[in-house]
Amino acid sequence: MAFERVLRELVKKGGLRKVARNLGIDHSSLYKSIQDGSNIGLNRIEEILNLFGYELKLSKRKEVKPGKSKQSTKRR
């Protein structure tokens, strides 16, 4: 997931132990939560982004007709 990669880069830039300390959590817990395939919670994502001055916003896009998505569903 590309989003996990962004979080990892932010944490790497800030230093894993320092970021964990600022979040009030153990560095090993932070490390595990930003690994590929982890199931990081939205609140943790927001905490990390907030620490670096970012904000997570969701906005509704234009109405999309129900049905097939534009992405290919072919199996390789």
C-alpha atoms as a PDB file:
ATOM      1  CA  MET A   1       0.000   0.000   0.000  1.00  0.00           C
ATOM      2  CA  ALA A   2       1.391   3.380  -0.974  1.00  0.00           C
ATOM      3  CA  PHE A   3      -0.018   5.075   2.100  1.00  0.00           C
ATOM      4  CA  GLU A   4       1.986   2.813   4.430  1.00  0.00           C
ATOM      5  CA  ARG A   5       5.094   3.776   2.474  1.00  0.00           C
ATOM      6  CA  VAL A   6       4.394   7.460   3.075  1.00  0.00           C
ATOM      7  CA  LEU A   7       3.952   6.861   6.802  1.00  0.00           C
ATOM      8  CA  ARG A   8       7.200   4.876   6.931  1.00  0.00           C
ATOM      9  CA  GLU A   9       9.066   7.688   5.192  1.00  0.00           C
ATOM     10  CA  LEU A  10       7.687  10.271   7.618  1.00  0.00           C
ATOM     11  CA  VAL A  11       8.647   8.160  10.618  1.00  0.00           C
ATOM     12  CA  LYS A  12      12.067   7.434   9.152  1.00  0.00           C
ATOM     13  CA  LYS A  13      12.670  11.157   8.633  1.00  0.00           C
ATOM     14  CA  GLY A  14      11.671  11.972  12.202  1.00  0.00           C
ATOM     15  CA  GLY A  15      13.498   9.027  13.729  1.00  0.00           C
ATOM     16  CA  LEU A  16      11.583   5.958  14.910  1.00  0.00           C
ATOM     17  CA  ARG A  17      12.387   6.303  18.608  1.00  0.00           C
ATOM     18  CA  LYS A  18      11.797  10.058  18.678  1.00  0.00           C
ATOM     19  CA  VAL A  19       8.458   9.774  16.870  1.00  0.00           C
ATOM     20  CA  ALA A  20       7.367   6.939  19.165  1.00  0.00           C
ATOM     21  CA  ARG A  21       8.337   8.978  22.223  1.00  0.00           C
ATOM     22  CA  ASN A  22       6.374  11.978  20.937  1.00  0.00           C
ATOM     23  CA  LEU A  23       3.340   9.746  20.341  1.00  0.00           C
ATOM     24  CA  GLY A  24       3.695   8.206  23.797  1.00  0.00           C
ATOM     25  CA  ILE A  25       4.099   4.644  22.525  1.00  0.00           C
ATOM     26  CA  ASP A  26       6.840   2.021  22.447  1.00  0.00           C
ATOM     27  CA  HIS A  27       9.092   2.190  19.372  1.00  0.00           C
ATOM     28  CA  SER A  28       8.555  -1.504  18.608  1.00  0.00           C
ATOM     29  CA  SER A  29       4.796  -0.939  18.520  1.00  0.00           C
ATOM     30  CA  LEU A  30       5.233   1.940  16.091  1.00  0.00           C
ATOM     31  CA  TYR A  31       7.604  -0.121  13.947  1.00  0.00           C
ATOM     32  CA  LYS A  32       5.099  -2.973  13.691  1.00  0.00           C
ATOM     33  CA  SER A  33       2.208  -0.643  12.881  1.00  0.00           C
ATOM     34  CA  ILE A  34       3.929   0.890   9.829  1.00  0.00           C
ATOM     35  CA  GLN A  35       5.084  -2.355   8.221  1.00  0.00           C
ATOM     36  CA  ASP A  36       3.572  -3.679   4.989  1.00  0.00           C
ATOM     37  CA  GLY A  37       0.476  -5.720   5.679  1.00  0.00           C
ATOM     38  CA  SER A  38      -0.075  -4.209   9.107  1.00  0.00           C
ATOM     39  CA  ASN A  39      -3.562  -3.257  10.128  1.00  0.00           C
ATOM     40  CA  ILE A  40      -2.818   0.259  11.356  1.00  0.00           C
ATOM     41  CA  GLY A  41      -5.766   2.065  12.869  1.00  0.00           C
ATOM     42  CA  LEU A  42      -7.092   5.358  11.634  1.00  0.00           C
ATOM     43  CA  ASN A  43      -6.375   7.025  14.961  1.00  0.00           C
ATOM     44  CA  ARG A  44      -2.694   6.038  14.751  1.00  0.00           C
ATOM     45  CA  ILE A  45      -2.489   7.306  11.167  1.00  0.00           C
ATOM     46  CA  GLU A  46      -3.966  10.634  12.261  1.00  0.00           C
ATOM     47  CA  GLU A  47      -1.542  10.851  15.216  1.00  0.00           C
ATOM     48  CA  ILE A  48       1.481  10.337  12.960  1.00  0.00           C
ATOM     49  CA  LEU A  49       0.248  12.783  10.337  1.00  0.00           C
ATOM     50  CA  ASN A  50      -0.619  15.377  12.981  1.00  0.00           C
ATOM     51  CA  LEU A  51       2.839  15.077  14.519  1.00  0.00           C
ATOM     52  CA  PHE A  52       4.358  16.090  11.177  1.00  0.00           C
ATOM     53  CA  GLY A  53       1.841  18.849  10.515  1.00  0.00           C
ATOM     54  CA  TYR A  54      -0.372  16.966   8.075  1.00  0.00           C
ATOM     55  CA  GLU A  55      -4.111  16.485   8.145  1.00  0.00           C
ATOM     56  CA  LEU A  56      -6.118  13.609   6.738  1.00  0.00           C
ATOM     57  CA  LYS A  57      -9.191  14.753   4.839  1.00  0.00           C
ATOM     58  CA  LEU A  58     -11.789  12.739   2.996  1.00  0.00           C
ATOM     59  CA  SER A  59     -14.061  14.296   0.454  1.00  0.00           C
ATOM     60  CA  LYS A  60     -16.886  12.855  -1.542  1.00  0.00           C
ATOM     61  CA  ARG A  61     -16.182  12.723  -5.235  1.00  0.00           C
ATOM     62  CA  LYS A  62     -18.712  13.243  -7.991  1.00  0.00           C
ATOM     63  CA  GLU A  63     -21.508  10.761  -8.126  1.00  0.00           C
ATOM     64  CA  VAL A  64     -20.452   7.503  -9.710  1.00  0.00           C
ATOM     65  CA  LYS A  65     -22.929   5.128 -11.253  1.00  0.00           C
ATOM     66  CA  PRO A  66     -23.063   1.769  -9.475  1.00  0.00           C
ATOM     67  CA  GLY A  67     -21.632  -1.121 -11.391  1.00  0.00           C
ATOM     68  CA  LYS A  68     -18.236  -2.122 -12.615  1.00  0.00           C
ATOM     69  CA  SER A  69     -15.313  -0.033 -11.501  1.00  0.00           C
ATOM     70  CA  LYS A  70     -12.959   1.481 -14.049  1.00  0.00           C
ATOM     71  CA  GLN A  71     -10.124  -0.702 -12.794  1.00  0.00           C
ATOM     72  CA  SER A  72      -9.469  -3.907 -14.626  1.00  0.00           C
ATOM     73  CA  THR A  73     -10.750  -7.021 -12.864  1.00  0.00           C
ATOM     74  CA  LYS A  74      -8.818  -9.452 -15.060  1.00  0.00           C
ATOM     75  CA  ARG A  75      -6.757 -12.051 -13.285  1.00  0.00           C
ATOM     76  CA  ARG A  76      -3.267 -12.689 -14.427  1.00  0.00           C
END
